[in-house]
Structure formats: structure tokens, C-alpha cells
Protein backbone atom coordinates (compact mmCIF):
# COMPACT_ATOMS: atom_id res chain seq x y z
CA MET A 1 -11.26 4.82 -63.04
CA GLU A 2 -13.51 1.81 -63.43
CA ARG A 3 -14.46 -0.15 -66.50
CA CYS A 4 -17.02 -2.95 -66.82
CA SER A 5 -17.44 -5.39 -69.71
CA LEU A 6 -19.83 -8.23 -70.35
CA ILE A 7 -18.36 -11.41 -71.81
CA ASN A 8 -19.05 -15.09 -72.36
CA LEU A 9 -22.12 -16.22 -74.23
CA VAL A 10 -21.62 -19.84 -73.11
CA PRO A 11 -23.31 -20.42 -69.71
CA PHE A 12 -21.50 -22.39 -67.01
CA PHE A 13 -23.91 -25.33 -67.10
CA CYS A 14 -24.36 -25.43 -70.86
CA PRO A 15 -24.69 -28.88 -72.45
CA ASP A 16 -21.49 -29.94 -74.22
CA TRP A 17 -23.20 -30.23 -77.60
CA MET A 18 -24.13 -26.51 -77.55
CA VAL A 19 -20.66 -25.14 -76.74
CA PRO A 20 -19.07 -25.20 -80.24
CA SER A 21 -21.90 -23.26 -81.89
CA LEU A 22 -22.13 -20.73 -79.04
CA ARG A 23 -18.36 -20.16 -79.17
CA VAL A 24 -18.63 -19.33 -82.86
CA ALA A 25 -21.40 -16.79 -82.18
CA GLU A 26 -19.72 -15.40 -79.04
CA MET A 27 -17.34 -12.94 -80.72
CA ALA A 28 -20.14 -11.40 -82.78
CA VAL A 29 -22.51 -11.16 -79.79
CA GLU A 30 -19.86 -9.50 -77.61
CA ARG A 31 -19.58 -6.70 -80.21
CA MET A 32 -23.33 -5.90 -80.30
CA PRO A 33 -24.13 -3.57 -77.36
CA LEU A 34 -27.81 -4.35 -76.76
CA VAL A 35 -27.50 -8.07 -77.52
CA ARG A 36 -24.38 -8.30 -75.33
CA ASP A 37 -26.22 -6.71 -72.41
CA ILE A 38 -28.98 -9.32 -72.62
CA ALA A 39 -27.11 -12.49 -73.65
CA CYS A 40 -23.69 -12.44 -72.01
CA GLY A 41 -23.48 -13.86 -68.53
CA GLN A 42 -20.20 -12.76 -66.96
CA SER A 43 -19.01 -9.33 -65.93
CA VAL A 44 -15.41 -8.21 -65.89
CA ILE A 45 -14.78 -5.18 -63.70
CA VAL A 46 -11.40 -3.52 -63.79
CA ALA A 47 -10.82 -0.88 -61.12
CA HIS A 48 -7.78 1.22 -60.27
CA THR A 49 -7.16 2.94 -56.97
CA ARG A 50 -5.81 6.42 -56.70
CA LYS A 51 -2.54 6.92 -54.90
CA PRO A 52 -2.96 9.19 -51.84
């Protein structure tokens, strides 16, 4: 089974002055499917292997 999620609205090289406002908006953006797919910049992939 594999699951993928998009997270983190704040880009890695974001100017410091933008971070607080993006952090506030981040939780809302992560809950909106289409917006999340466009705006979030990191993927989390969780995979499990089957036992033989």
C-alpha cells in the first residue's frame, strides 16, 4: 500500500518576512485538494512492503 501527500506551502528559499503569513495560510491550503496540488511544494510518500 502506498500513500502520497502534498505538504508545505512555504518554499525552501522563501524570504524570512513571508514565512509567518504563509504558515498561517498553510493549514487551510493543505486541506483544499486542487489548491494543495498547485501550491504545496513537498511530497510525502509512505510505502509499505509486503512480507513474502
